[in-house]
Amino acid sequence: MNQNEERRKFPRVKDDELSLKLKVGDFDTVAHTLDISASGLYCKIEKEIPLMSRVNIVLVVPSDDGAQKRLEVTGVVVREHPVIIDGQTKHYDAAIFFEDLSQKDREIITGYIGHKPAKT
């Protein structure tokens, strides 16, 4: 495999249009995706969440029929880092792996990202 080949099982797309709600412990926030795949998402959050934290996610995904599908899944924070601008932490970018995505929910996300250009 050359270094430019994608090693991920599911393709991901850049997407800052999806809103999601994250809850971990007593921290509850609304966030936006930066990119998404059928195995997880990358999002911008206002507070640091420790690595390997289990989070509850509510994600609203538009479907082909124009309706919106509300997905409730559990995820695990697998990467997280502060975004520092002018010496101050403005927010955190976090990668969350979907831990218990059902086949039906995976198909909803796959259908959604199938209409987006792949991330380069």
PDB file of N, CA and C in Angstrom:
ATOM      1  N   MET A   1       0.852  -1.174   0.000  1.00  0.00           N
ATOM      2  CA  MET A   1       0.000   0.000   0.000  1.00  0.00           C
ATOM      3  C   MET A   1       0.896   1.233   0.000  1.00  0.00           C
ATOM      4  N   ASN A   2       0.640   2.147  -0.961  1.00  0.00           N
ATOM      5  CA  ASN A   2       1.455   3.355  -0.945  1.00  0.00           C
ATOM      6  C   ASN A   2       0.918   4.324   0.094  1.00  0.00           C
ATOM      7  N   GLN A   3       1.719   5.325   0.440  1.00  0.00           N
ATOM      8  CA  GLN A   3       1.364   6.196   1.552  1.00  0.00           C
ATOM      9  C   GLN A   3       0.178   7.095   1.252  1.00  0.00           C
ATOM     10  N   ASN A   4      -0.238   7.224   0.002  1.00  0.00           N
ATOM     11  CA  ASN A   4      -1.390   8.059  -0.331  1.00  0.00           C
ATOM     12  C   ASN A   4      -2.705   7.296  -0.299  1.00  0.00           C
ATOM     13  N   GLU A   5      -2.654   5.979  -0.156  1.00  0.00           N
ATOM     14  CA  GLU A   5      -3.876   5.185  -0.121  1.00  0.00           C
ATOM     15  C   GLU A   5      -4.581   5.336   1.219  1.00  0.00           C
ATOM     16  N   GLU A   6      -5.888   5.389   1.156  1.00  0.00           N
ATOM     17  CA  GLU A   6      -6.712   5.471   2.362  1.00  0.00           C
ATOM     18  C   GLU A   6      -6.729   4.101   3.033  1.00  0.00           C
ATOM     19  N   ARG A   7      -6.427   4.049   4.318  1.00  0.00           N
ATOM     20  CA  ARG A   7      -6.390   2.785   5.047  1.00  0.00           C
ATOM     21  C   ARG A   7      -7.668   2.552   5.840  1.00  0.00           C
ATOM     22  N   ARG A   8      -8.576   3.493   5.809  1.00  0.00           N
ATOM     23  CA  ARG A   8      -9.791   3.384   6.594  1.00  0.00           C
ATOM     24  C   ARG A   8     -10.764   2.407   5.960  1.00  0.00           C
ATOM     25  N   LYS A   9     -11.528   1.750   6.805  1.00  0.00           N
ATOM     26  CA  LYS A   9     -12.534   0.802   6.338  1.00  0.00           C
ATOM     27  C   LYS A   9     -13.681   1.537   5.655  1.00  0.00           C
ATOM     28  N   PHE A  10     -14.045   2.720   6.186  1.00  0.00           N
ATOM     29  CA  PHE A  10     -15.134   3.514   5.634  1.00  0.00           C
ATOM     30  C   PHE A  10     -14.598   4.861   5.179  1.00  0.00           C
ATOM     31  N   PRO A  11     -15.003   5.318   3.989  1.00  0.00           N
ATOM     32  CA  PRO A  11     -14.543   6.634   3.539  1.00  0.00           C
ATOM     33  C   PRO A  11     -15.089   7.741   4.435  1.00  0.00           C
ATOM     34  N   ARG A  12     -14.352   8.824   4.531  1.00  0.00           N
ATOM     35  CA  ARG A  12     -14.824   9.963   5.322  1.00  0.00           C
ATOM     36  C   ARG A  12     -14.936  11.167   4.396  1.00  0.00           C
ATOM     37  N   VAL A  13     -15.803  12.078   4.770  1.00  0.00           N
ATOM     38  CA  VAL A  13     -15.987  13.293   3.996  1.00  0.00           C
ATOM     39  C   VAL A  13     -15.909  14.491   4.919  1.00  0.00           C
ATOM     40  N   LYS A  14     -15.388  15.580   4.378  1.00  0.00           N
ATOM     41  CA  LYS A  14     -15.373  16.831   5.120  1.00  0.00           C
ATOM     42  C   LYS A  14     -16.811  17.311   5.200  1.00  0.00           C
ATOM     43  N   ASP A  15     -17.248  17.685   6.383  1.00  0.00           N
ATOM     44  CA  ASP A  15     -18.633  18.087   6.563  1.00  0.00           C
ATOM     45  C   ASP A  15     -18.764  18.912   7.826  1.00  0.00           C
ATOM     46  N   ASP A  16     -19.102  20.180   7.670  1.00  0.00           N
ATOM     47  CA  ASP A  16     -19.305  21.020   8.846  1.00  0.00           C
ATOM     48  C   ASP A  16     -20.771  21.426   8.984  1.00  0.00           C
ATOM     49  N   GLU A  17     -21.654  20.649   8.358  1.00  0.00           N
ATOM     50  CA  GLU A  17     -23.076  20.982   8.337  1.00  0.00           C
ATOM     51  C   GLU A  17     -23.905  20.236   9.375  1.00  0.00           C
ATOM     52  N   LEU A  18     -23.386  19.157   9.921  1.00  0.00           N
ATOM     53  CA  LEU A  18     -24.172  18.355  10.847  1.00  0.00           C
ATOM     54  C   LEU A  18     -24.003  18.832  12.284  1.00  0.00           C
ATOM     55  N   SER A  19     -25.119  19.051  12.947  1.00  0.00           N
ATOM     56  CA  SER A  19     -25.096  19.372  14.369  1.00  0.00           C
ATOM     57  C   SER A  19     -25.205  18.086  15.164  1.00  0.00           C
ATOM     58  N   LEU A  20     -24.573  18.076  16.308  1.00  0.00           N
ATOM     59  CA  LEU A  20     -24.674  16.917  17.167  1.00  0.00           C
ATOM     60  C   LEU A  20     -24.680  17.371  18.610  1.00  0.00           C
ATOM     61  N   LYS A  21     -25.204  16.524  19.446  1.00  0.00           N
ATOM     62  CA  LYS A  21     -25.209  16.791  20.881  1.00  0.00           C
ATOM     63  C   LYS A  21     -24.343  15.727  21.527  1.00  0.00           C
ATOM     64  N   LEU A  22     -23.416  16.167  22.365  1.00  0.00           N
ATOM     65  CA  LEU A  22     -22.520  15.260  23.080  1.00  0.00           C
ATOM     66  C   LEU A  22     -22.800  15.349  24.565  1.00  0.00           C
ATOM     67  N   LYS A  23     -22.773  14.211  25.218  1.00  0.00           N
ATOM     68  CA  LYS A  23     -22.916  14.188  26.673  1.00  0.00           C
ATOM     69  C   LYS A  23     -21.899  13.206  27.226  1.00  0.00           C
ATOM     70  N   VAL A  24     -21.100  13.716  28.167  1.00  0.00           N
ATOM     71  CA  VAL A  24     -20.145  12.873  28.875  1.00  0.00           C
ATOM     72  C   VAL A  24     -20.139  13.364  30.319  1.00  0.00           C
ATOM     73  N   GLY A  25     -20.514  12.485  31.229  1.00  0.00           N
ATOM     74  CA  GLY A  25     -20.621  12.887  32.630  1.00  0.00           C
ATOM     75  C   GLY A  25     -21.624  14.013  32.772  1.00  0.00           C
ATOM     76  N   ASP A  26     -21.214  15.113  33.416  1.00  0.00           N
ATOM     77  CA  ASP A  26     -22.122  16.250  33.571  1.00  0.00           C
ATOM     78  C   ASP A  26     -21.916  17.309  32.489  1.00  0.00           C
ATOM     79  N   PHE A  27     -21.075  17.011  31.504  1.00  0.00           N
ATOM     80  CA  PHE A  27     -20.825  17.928  30.393  1.00  0.00           C
ATOM     81  C   PHE A  27     -21.755  17.571  29.244  1.00  0.00           C
ATOM     82  N   ASP A  28     -22.512  18.555  28.798  1.00  0.00           N
ATOM     83  CA  ASP A  28     -23.510  18.382  27.748  1.00  0.00           C
ATOM     84  C   ASP A  28     -23.347  19.563  26.806  1.00  0.00           C
ATOM     85  N   THR A  29     -23.121  19.329  25.515  1.00  0.00           N
ATOM     86  CA  THR A  29     -22.889  20.441  24.602  1.00  0.00           C
ATOM     87  C   THR A  29     -23.405  20.126  23.210  1.00  0.00           C
ATOM     88  N   VAL A  30     -23.632  21.169  22.444  1.00  0.00           N
ATOM     89  CA  VAL A  30     -23.955  21.047  21.030  1.00  0.00           C
ATOM     90  C   VAL A  30     -22.665  21.343  20.269  1.00  0.00           C
ATOM     91  N   ALA A  31     -22.397  20.554  19.244  1.00  0.00           N
ATOM     92  CA  ALA A  31     -21.169  20.718  18.467  1.00  0.00           C
ATOM     93  C   ALA A  31     -21.498  20.580  16.984  1.00  0.00           C
ATOM     94  N   HIS A  32     -20.485  20.775  16.156  1.00  0.00           N
ATOM     95  CA  HIS A  32     -20.637  20.600  14.714  1.00  0.00           C
ATOM     96  C   HIS A  32     -19.535  19.680  14.215  1.00  0.00           C
ATOM     97  N   THR A  33     -19.885  18.868  13.240  1.00  0.00           N
ATOM     98  CA  THR A  33     -18.896  17.978  12.657  1.00  0.00           C
ATOM     99  C   THR A  33     -17.879  18.772  11.846  1.00  0.00           C
ATOM    100  N   LEU A  34     -16.685  18.226  11.742  1.00  0.00           N
ATOM    101  CA  LEU A  34     -15.665  18.711  10.812  1.00  0.00           C
ATOM    102  C   LEU A  34     -15.536  17.712   9.665  1.00  0.00           C
ATOM    103  N   ASP A  35     -15.615  16.417  10.014  1.00  0.00           N
ATOM    104  CA  ASP A  35     -15.743  15.371   9.006  1.00  0.00           C
ATOM    105  C   ASP A  35     -16.440  14.171   9.641  1.00  0.00           C
ATOM    106  N   ILE A  36     -16.904  13.260   8.774  1.00  0.00           N
ATOM    107  CA  ILE A  36     -17.675  12.120   9.259  1.00  0.00           C
ATOM    108  C   ILE A  36     -17.463  10.919   8.360  1.00  0.00           C
ATOM    109  N   SER A  37     -17.540   9.734   8.949  1.00  0.00           N
ATOM    110  CA  SER A  37     -17.542   8.475   8.212  1.00  0.00           C
ATOM    111  C   SER A  37     -18.515   7.550   8.930  1.00  0.00           C
ATOM    112  N   ALA A  38     -18.694   6.365   8.396  1.00  0.00           N
ATOM    113  CA  ALA A  38     -19.584   5.400   9.039  1.00  0.00           C
ATOM    114  C   ALA A  38     -18.936   4.756  10.260  1.00  0.00           C
ATOM    115  N   SER A  39     -17.690   5.128  10.568  1.00  0.00           N
ATOM    116  CA  SER A  39     -17.052   4.582  11.764  1.00  0.00           C
ATOM    117  C   SER A  39     -16.817   5.635  12.850  1.00  0.00           C
ATOM    118  N   GLY A  40     -17.027   6.914  12.528  1.00  0.00           N
ATOM    119  CA  GLY A  40     -16.833   7.939  13.531  1.00  0.00           C
ATOM    120  C   GLY A  40     -16.915   9.333  12.955  1.00  0.00           C
ATOM    121  N   LEU A  41     -16.606  10.306  13.807  1.00  0.00           N
ATOM    122  CA  LEU A  41     -16.662  11.694  13.362  1.00  0.00           C
ATOM    123  C   LEU A  41     -15.567  12.506  14.034  1.00  0.00           C
ATOM    124  N   TYR A  42     -15.303  13.637  13.443  1.00  0.00           N
ATOM    125  CA  TYR A  42     -14.336  14.598  13.961  1.00  0.00           C
ATOM    126  C   TYR A  42     -15.121  15.876  14.175  1.00  0.00           C
ATOM    127  N   CYS A  43     -15.037  16.464  15.366  1.00  0.00           N
ATOM    128  CA  CYS A  43     -15.870  17.620  15.662  1.00  0.00           C
ATOM    129  C   CYS A  43     -15.127  18.664  16.488  1.00  0.00           C
ATOM    130  N   LYS A  44     -15.720  19.845  16.514  1.00  0.00           N
ATOM    131  CA  LYS A  44     -15.190  20.970  17.284  1.00  0.00           C
ATOM    132  C   LYS A  44     -16.041  21.093  18.541  1.00  0.00           C
ATOM    133  N   ILE A  45     -15.373  21.094  19.720  1.00  0.00           N
ATOM    134  CA  ILE A  45     -16.089  21.200  20.990  1.00  0.00           C
ATOM    135  C   ILE A  45     -15.479  22.307  21.841  1.00  0.00           C
ATOM    136  N   GLU A  46     -16.230  22.779  22.822  1.00  0.00           N
ATOM    137  CA  GLU A  46     -15.777  23.914  23.625  1.00  0.00           C
ATOM    138  C   GLU A  46     -14.959  23.530  24.849  1.00  0.00           C
ATOM    139  N   LYS A  47     -14.970  22.254  25.216  1.00  0.00           N
ATOM    140  CA  LYS A  47     -14.299  21.821  26.437  1.00  0.00           C
ATOM    141  C   LYS A  47     -13.490  20.553  26.151  1.00  0.00           C
ATOM    142  N   GLU A  48     -12.374  20.413  26.822  1.00  0.00           N
ATOM    143  CA  GLU A  48     -11.545  19.224  26.653  1.00  0.00           C
ATOM    144  C   GLU A  48     -12.256  17.997  27.205  1.00  0.00           C
ATOM    145  N   ILE A  49     -12.215  16.919  26.437  1.00  0.00           N
ATOM    146  CA  ILE A  49     -12.746  15.628  26.889  1.00  0.00           C
ATOM    147  C   ILE A  49     -11.570  14.655  26.872  1.00  0.00           C
ATOM    148  N   PRO A  50     -11.272  14.021  27.992  1.00  0.00           N
ATOM    149  CA  PRO A  50     -10.113  13.117  28.040  1.00  0.00           C
ATOM    150  C   PRO A  50     -10.205  11.967  27.032  1.00  0.00           C
ATOM    151  N   LEU A  51      -9.044  11.562  26.544  1.00  0.00           N
ATOM    152  CA  LEU A  51      -8.978  10.411  25.636  1.00  0.00           C
ATOM    153  C   LEU A  51      -9.615   9.191  26.276  1.00  0.00           C
ATOM    154  N   MET A  52     -10.229   8.380  25.469  1.00  0.00           N
ATOM    155  CA  MET A  52     -10.892   7.125  25.828  1.00  0.00           C
ATOM    156  C   MET A  52     -12.166   7.347  26.652  1.00  0.00           C
ATOM    157  N   SER A  53     -12.634   8.604  26.741  1.00  0.00           N
ATOM    158  CA  SER A  53     -13.910   8.863  27.406  1.00  0.00           C
ATOM    159  C   SER A  53     -15.046   8.337  26.535  1.00  0.00           C
ATOM    160  N   ARG A  54     -16.012   7.757  27.172  1.00  0.00           N
ATOM    161  CA  ARG A  54     -17.210   7.282  26.476  1.00  0.00           C
ATOM    162  C   ARG A  54     -18.206   8.433  26.444  1.00  0.00           C
ATOM    163  N   VAL A  55     -18.736   8.750  25.252  1.00  0.00           N
ATOM    164  CA  VAL A  55     -19.671   9.857  25.089  1.00  0.00           C
ATOM    165  C   VAL A  55     -20.961   9.365  24.457  1.00  0.00           C
ATOM    166  N   ASN A  56     -22.066   9.983  24.853  1.00  0.00           N
ATOM    167  CA  ASN A  56     -23.354   9.729  24.213  1.00  0.00           C
ATOM    168  C   ASN A  56     -23.545  10.806  23.154  1.00  0.00           C
ATOM    169  N   ILE A  57     -23.935  10.378  21.963  1.00  0.00           N
ATOM    170  CA  ILE A  57     -24.053  11.284  20.823  1.00  0.00           C
ATOM    171  C   ILE A  57     -25.468  11.214  20.266  1.00  0.00           C
ATOM    172  N   VAL A  58     -26.047  12.377  20.013  1.00  0.00           N
ATOM    173  CA  VAL A  58     -27.288  12.464  19.248  1.00  0.00           C
ATOM    174  C   VAL A  58     -26.917  13.225  17.984  1.00  0.00           C
ATOM    175  N   LEU A  59     -27.101  12.575  16.841  1.00  0.00           N
ATOM    176  CA  LEU A  59     -26.704  13.111  15.552  1.00  0.00           C
ATOM    177  C   LEU A  59     -27.927  13.133  14.653  1.00  0.00           C
ATOM    178  N   VAL A  60     -28.204  14.275  14.033  1.00  0.00           N
ATOM    179  CA  VAL A  60     -29.341  14.392  13.119  1.00  0.00           C
ATOM    180  C   VAL A  60     -28.796  14.436  11.696  1.00  0.00           C
ATOM    181  N   VAL A  61     -29.193  13.427  10.902  1.00  0.00           N
ATOM    182  CA  VAL A  61     -28.655  13.260   9.558  1.00  0.00           C
ATOM    183  C   VAL A  61     -29.775  13.386   8.530  1.00  0.00           C
ATOM    184  N   PRO A  62     -29.618  14.271   7.531  1.00  0.00           N
ATOM    185  CA  PRO A  62     -30.618  14.331   6.462  1.00  0.00           C
ATOM    186  C   PRO A  62     -30.586  13.029   5.656  1.00  0.00           C
ATOM    187  N   SER A  63     -31.743  12.576   5.211  1.00  0.00           N
ATOM    188  CA  SER A  63     -31.793  11.348   4.407  1.00  0.00           C
ATOM    189  C   SER A  63     -32.209  11.676   2.979  1.00  0.00           C
ATOM    190  N   ASP A  64     -32.127  10.671   2.109  1.00  0.00           N
ATOM    191  CA  ASP A  64     -32.447  10.851   0.693  1.00  0.00           C
ATOM    192  C   ASP A  64     -33.867  11.350   0.465  1.00  0.00           C
ATOM    193  N   ASP A  65     -34.792  10.985   1.337  1.00  0.00           N
ATOM    194  CA  ASP A  65     -36.197  11.362   1.145  1.00  0.00           C
ATOM    195  C   ASP A  65     -36.523  12.751   1.692  1.00  0.00           C
ATOM    196  N   GLY A  66     -35.496  13.496   2.135  1.00  0.00           N
ATOM    197  CA  GLY A  66     -35.703  14.846   2.638  1.00  0.00           C
ATOM    198  C   GLY A  66     -36.003  14.909   4.123  1.00  0.00           C
ATOM    199  N   ALA A  67     -36.250  13.766   4.735  1.00  0.00           N
ATOM    200  CA  ALA A  67     -36.509  13.724   6.177  1.00  0.00           C
ATOM    201  C   ALA A  67     -35.182  13.796   6.924  1.00  0.00           C
ATOM    202  N   GLN A  68     -35.254  13.932   8.225  1.00  0.00           N
ATOM    203  CA  GLN A  68     -34.051  13.899   9.053  1.00  0.00           C
ATOM    204  C   GLN A  68     -34.129  12.691   9.970  1.00  0.00           C
ATOM    205  N   LYS A  69     -33.024  11.988  10.079  1.00  0.00           N
ATOM    206  CA  LYS A  69     -32.939  10.810  10.934  1.00  0.00           C
ATOM    207  C   LYS A  69     -32.163  11.178  12.187  1.00  0.00           C
ATOM    208  N   ARG A  70     -32.734  10.867  13.338  1.00  0.00           N
ATOM    209  CA  ARG A  70     -32.086  11.150  14.627  1.00  0.00           C
ATOM    210  C   ARG A  70     -31.404   9.858  15.089  1.00  0.00           C
ATOM    211  N   LEU A  71     -30.077   9.885  15.164  1.00  0.00           N
ATOM    212  CA  LEU A  71     -29.301   8.721  15.567  1.00  0.00           C
ATOM    213  C   LEU A  71     -28.768   8.941  16.980  1.00  0.00           C
ATOM    214  N   GLU A  72     -28.920   7.947  17.832  1.00  0.00           N
ATOM    215  CA  GLU A  72     -28.370   8.002  19.185  1.00  0.00           C
ATOM    216  C   GLU A  72     -27.357   6.874  19.307  1.00  0.00           C
ATOM    217  N   VAL A  73     -26.096   7.243  19.479  1.00  0.00           N
ATOM    218  CA  VAL A  73     -25.027   6.243  19.540  1.00  0.00           C
ATOM    219  C   VAL A  73     -24.066   6.564  20.673  1.00  0.00           C
ATOM    220  N   THR A  74     -23.272   5.585  21.028  1.00  0.00           N
ATOM    221  CA  THR A  74     -22.198   5.767  21.997  1.00  0.00           C
ATOM    222  C   THR A  74     -20.891   5.789  21.223  1.00  0.00           C
ATOM    223  N   GLY A  75     -19.992   6.662  21.644  1.00  0.00           N
ATOM    224  CA  GLY A  75     -18.697   6.743  21.004  1.00  0.00           C
ATOM    225  C   GLY A  75     -17.594   6.844  22.040  1.00  0.00           C
ATOM    226  N   VAL A  76     -16.364   6.751  21.560  1.00  0.00           N
ATOM    227  CA  VAL A  76     -15.182   6.863  22.409  1.00  0.00           C
ATOM    228  C   VAL A  76     -14.258   7.908  21.787  1.00  0.00           C
ATOM    229  N   VAL A  77     -13.778   8.841  22.615  1.00  0.00           N
ATOM    230  CA  VAL A  77     -12.842   9.868  22.145  1.00  0.00           C
ATOM    231  C   VAL A  77     -11.483   9.199  21.926  1.00  0.00           C
ATOM    232  N   VAL A  78     -11.032   9.187  20.666  1.00  0.00           N
ATOM    233  CA  VAL A  78      -9.768   8.518  20.343  1.00  0.00           C
ATOM    234  C   VAL A  78      -8.642   9.503  20.015  1.00  0.00           C
ATOM    235  N   ARG A  79      -9.006  10.757  19.778  1.00  0.00           N
ATOM    236  CA  ARG A  79      -7.998  11.790  19.542  1.00  0.00           C
ATOM    237  C   ARG A  79      -8.627  13.126  19.918  1.00  0.00           C
ATOM    238  N   GLU A  80      -7.838  13.999  20.516  1.00  0.00           N
ATOM    239  CA  GLU A  80      -8.361  15.289  20.946  1.00  0.00           C
ATOM    240  C   GLU A  80      -7.200  16.249  21.093  1.00  0.00           C
ATOM    241  N   HIS A  81      -7.369  17.473  20.610  1.00  0.00           N
ATOM    242  CA  HIS A  81      -6.308  18.460  20.801  1.00  0.00           C
ATOM    243  C   HIS A  81      -6.887  19.872  20.823  1.00  0.00           C
ATOM    244  N   PRO A  82      -6.226  20.762  21.564  1.00  0.00           N
ATOM    245  CA  PRO A  82      -6.692  22.149  21.630  1.00  0.00           C
ATOM    246  C   PRO A  82      -6.346  22.895  20.347  1.00  0.00           C
ATOM    247  N   VAL A  83      -7.196  23.841  19.977  1.00  0.00           N
ATOM    248  CA  VAL A  83      -6.905  24.761  18.885  1.00  0.00           C
ATOM    249  C   VAL A  83      -6.550  26.084  19.545  1.00  0.00           C
ATOM    250  N   ILE A  84      -5.291  26.475  19.389  1.00  0.00           N
ATOM    251  CA  ILE A  84      -4.772  27.664  20.069  1.00  0.00           C
ATOM    252  C   ILE A  84      -4.566  28.775  19.045  1.00  0.00           C
ATOM    253  N   ILE A  85      -5.191  29.916  19.318  1.00  0.00           N
ATOM    254  CA  ILE A  85      -5.069  31.083  18.448  1.00  0.00           C
ATOM    255  C   ILE A  85      -4.634  32.252  19.326  1.00  0.00           C
ATOM    256  N   ASP A  86      -3.558  32.920  18.897  1.00  0.00           N
ATOM    257  CA  ASP A  86      -3.009  34.045  19.659  1.00  0.00           C
ATOM    258  C   ASP A  86      -2.736  33.668  21.115  1.00  0.00           C
ATOM    259  N   GLY A  87      -2.231  32.465  21.325  1.00  0.00           N
ATOM    260  CA  GLY A  87      -1.844  32.031  22.658  1.00  0.00           C
ATOM    261  C   GLY A  87      -2.988  31.572  23.551  1.00  0.00           C
ATOM    262  N   GLN A  88      -4.210  31.575  23.048  1.00  0.00           N
ATOM    263  CA  GLN A  88      -5.347  31.151  23.862  1.00  0.00           C
ATOM    264  C   GLN A  88      -6.059  29.968  23.222  1.00  0.00           C
ATOM    265  N   THR A  89      -6.510  29.039  24.068  1.00  0.00           N
ATOM    266  CA  THR A  89      -7.274  27.895  23.569  1.00  0.00           C
ATOM    267  C   THR A  89      -8.667  28.380  23.193  1.00  0.00           C
ATOM    268  N   LYS A  90      -9.019  28.248  21.916  1.00  0.00           N
ATOM    269  CA  LYS A  90     -10.315  28.702  21.417  1.00  0.00           C
ATOM    270  C   LYS A  90     -11.367  27.594  21.491  1.00  0.00           C
ATOM    271  N   HIS A  91     -10.940  26.368  21.198  1.00  0.00           N
ATOM    272  CA  HIS A  91     -11.817  25.203  21.269  1.00  0.00           C
ATOM    273  C   HIS A  91     -10.951  23.950  21.149  1.00  0.00           C
ATOM    274  N   TYR A  92     -11.591  22.799  21.134  1.00  0.00           N
ATOM    275  CA  TYR A  92     -10.893  21.522  20.995  1.00  0.00           C
ATOM    276  C   TYR A  92     -11.463  20.777  19.804  1.00  0.00           C
ATOM    277  N   ASP A  93     -10.603  20.106  19.062  1.00  0.00           N
ATOM    278  CA  ASP A  93     -11.033  19.222  17.994  1.00  0.00           C
ATOM    279  C   ASP A  93     -10.916  17.800  18.519  1.00  0.00           C
ATOM    280  N   ALA A  94     -11.987  17.027  18.362  1.00  0.00           N
ATOM    281  CA  ALA A  94     -12.018  15.671  18.909  1.00  0.00           C
ATOM    282  C   ALA A  94     -12.459  14.672  17.853  1.00  0.00           C
ATOM    283  N   ALA A  95     -11.758  13.543  17.800  1.00  0.00           N
ATOM    284  CA  ALA A  95     -12.150  12.418  16.948  1.00  0.00           C
ATOM    285  C   ALA A  95     -12.858  11.404  17.831  1.00  0.00           C
ATOM    286  N   ILE A  96     -14.049  11.003  17.405  1.00  0.00           N
ATOM    287  CA  ILE A  96     -14.863  10.068  18.190  1.00  0.00           C
ATOM    288  C   ILE A  96     -15.195   8.855  17.340  1.00  0.00           C
ATOM    289  N   PHE A  97     -14.827   7.695  17.842  1.00  0.00           N
ATOM    290  CA  PHE A  97     -15.117   6.422  17.177  1.00  0.00           C
ATOM    291  C   PHE A  97     -16.486   5.941  17.633  1.00  0.00           C
ATOM    292  N   PHE A  98     -17.359   5.592  16.673  1.00  0.00           N
ATOM    293  CA  PHE A  98     -18.673   5.057  17.026  1.00  0.00           C
ATOM    294  C   PHE A  98     -18.497   3.663  17.604  1.00  0.00           C
ATOM    295  N   GLU A  99     -18.983   3.470  18.805  1.00  0.00           N
ATOM    296  CA  GLU A  99     -18.794   2.195  19.499  1.00  0.00           C
ATOM    297  C   GLU A  99     -19.916   1.197  19.222  1.00  0.00           C
ATOM    298  N   ASP A 100     -21.135   1.673  19.062  1.00  0.00           N
ATOM    299  CA  ASP A 100     -22.262   0.744  18.955  1.00  0.00           C
ATOM    300  C   ASP A 100     -23.226   1.106  17.834  1.00  0.00           C
ATOM    301  N   LEU A 101     -22.715   1.548  16.705  1.00  0.00           N
ATOM    302  CA  LEU A 101     -23.565   1.962  15.601  1.00  0.00           C
ATOM    303  C   LEU A 101     -24.267   0.746  14.997  1.00  0.00           C
ATOM    304  N   SER A 102     -25.586   0.798  14.948  1.00  0.00           N
ATOM    305  CA  SER A 102     -26.348  -0.308  14.364  1.00  0.00           C
ATOM    306  C   SER A 102     -26.153  -0.326  12.847  1.00  0.00           C
ATOM    307  N   GLN A 103     -26.442  -1.448  12.233  1.00  0.00           N
ATOM    308  CA  GLN A 103     -26.317  -1.562  10.780  1.00  0.00           C
ATOM    309  C   GLN A 103     -27.226  -0.537  10.092  1.00  0.00           C
ATOM    310  N   LYS A 104     -28.423  -0.356  10.612  1.00  0.00           N
ATOM    311  CA  LYS A 104     -29.370   0.609  10.039  1.00  0.00           C
ATOM    312  C   LYS A 104     -28.805   2.033  10.115  1.00  0.00           C
ATOM    313  N   ASP A 105     -28.267   2.414  11.279  1.00  0.00           N
ATOM    314  CA  ASP A 105     -27.679   3.747  11.432  1.00  0.00           C
ATOM    315  C   ASP A 105     -26.449   3.913  10.542  1.00  0.00           C
ATOM    316  N   ARG A 106     -25.642   2.859  10.413  1.00  0.00           N
ATOM    317  CA  ARG A 106     -24.460   2.903   9.537  1.00  0.00           C
ATOM    318  C   ARG A 106     -24.892   3.157   8.091  1.00  0.00           C
ATOM    319  N   GLU A 107     -25.986   2.518   7.682  1.00  0.00           N
ATOM    320  CA  GLU A 107     -26.491   2.708   6.320  1.00  0.00           C
ATOM    321  C   GLU A 107     -27.003   4.129   6.118  1.00  0.00           C
ATOM    322  N   ILE A 108     -27.618   4.726   7.139  1.00  0.00           N
ATOM    323  CA  ILE A 108     -28.080   6.113   7.043  1.00  0.00           C
ATOM    324  C   ILE A 108     -26.892   7.044   6.835  1.00  0.00           C
ATOM    325  N   ILE A 109     -25.832   6.858   7.627  1.00  0.00           N
ATOM    326  CA  ILE A 109     -24.647   7.703   7.503  1.00  0.00           C
ATOM    327  C   ILE A 109     -23.955   7.458   6.166  1.00  0.00           C
ATOM    328  N   THR A 110     -23.840   6.205   5.756  1.00  0.00           N
ATOM    329  CA  THR A 110     -23.205   5.876   4.477  1.00  0.00           C
ATOM    330  C   THR A 110     -23.974   6.518   3.323  1.00  0.00           C
ATOM    331  N   GLY A 111     -25.301   6.478   3.384  1.00  0.00           N
ATOM    332  CA  GLY A 111     -26.113   7.113   2.351  1.00  0.00           C
ATOM    333  C   GLY A 111     -25.895   8.620   2.305  1.00  0.00           C
ATOM    334  N   TYR A 112     -25.805   9.223   3.479  1.00  0.00           N
ATOM    335  CA  TYR A 112     -25.574  10.667   3.563  1.00  0.00           C
ATOM    336  C   TYR A 112     -24.215  11.047   2.976  1.00  0.00           C
ATOM    337  N   ILE A 113     -23.172  10.359   3.406  1.00  0.00           N
ATOM    338  CA  ILE A 113     -21.842  10.741   2.938  1.00  0.00           C
ATOM    339  C   ILE A 113     -21.619  10.357   1.475  1.00  0.00           C
ATOM    340  N   GLY A 114     -22.435   9.445   0.942  1.00  0.00           N
ATOM    341  CA  GLY A 114     -22.336   9.090  -0.461  1.00  0.00           C
ATOM    342  C   GLY A 114     -22.649  10.245  -1.399  1.00  0.00           C
ATOM    343  N   HIS A 115     -23.310  11.268  -0.890  1.00  0.00           N
ATOM    344  CA  HIS A 115     -23.666  12.436  -1.685  1.00  0.00           C
ATOM    345  C   HIS A 115     -22.693  13.586  -1.497  1.00  0.00           C
ATOM    346  N   LYS A 116     -21.638  13.366  -0.746  1.00  0.00           N
ATOM    347  CA  LYS A 116     -20.636  14.400  -0.490  1.00  0.00           C
ATOM    348  C   LYS A 116     -19.331  14.048  -1.181  1.00  0.00           C
ATOM    349  N   PRO A 117     -18.534  15.045  -1.561  1.00  0.00           N
ATOM    350  CA  PRO A 117     -17.205  14.729  -2.109  1.00  0.00           C
ATOM    351  C   PRO A 117     -16.289  14.158  -1.043  1.00  0.00           C
ATOM    352  N   ALA A 118     -15.454  13.187  -1.422  1.00  0.00           N
ATOM    353  CA  ALA A 118     -14.532  12.555  -0.461  1.00  0.00           C
ATOM    354  C   ALA A 118     -13.522  13.569   0.048  1.00  0.00           C
ATOM    355  N   LYS A 119     -13.076  13.360   1.300  1.00  0.00           N
ATOM    356  CA  LYS A 119     -12.064  14.236   1.917  1.00  0.00           C
ATOM    357  C   LYS A 119     -10.721  13.966   1.266  1.00  0.00           C
ATOM    358  N   THR A 120     -10.016  15.022   0.969  1.00  0.00           N
ATOM    359  CA  THR A 120      -8.695  14.859   0.343  1.00  0.00           C
ATOM    360  C   THR A 120      -7.590  15.200   1.305  1.00  0.00           C
TER     361      THR A 120
END
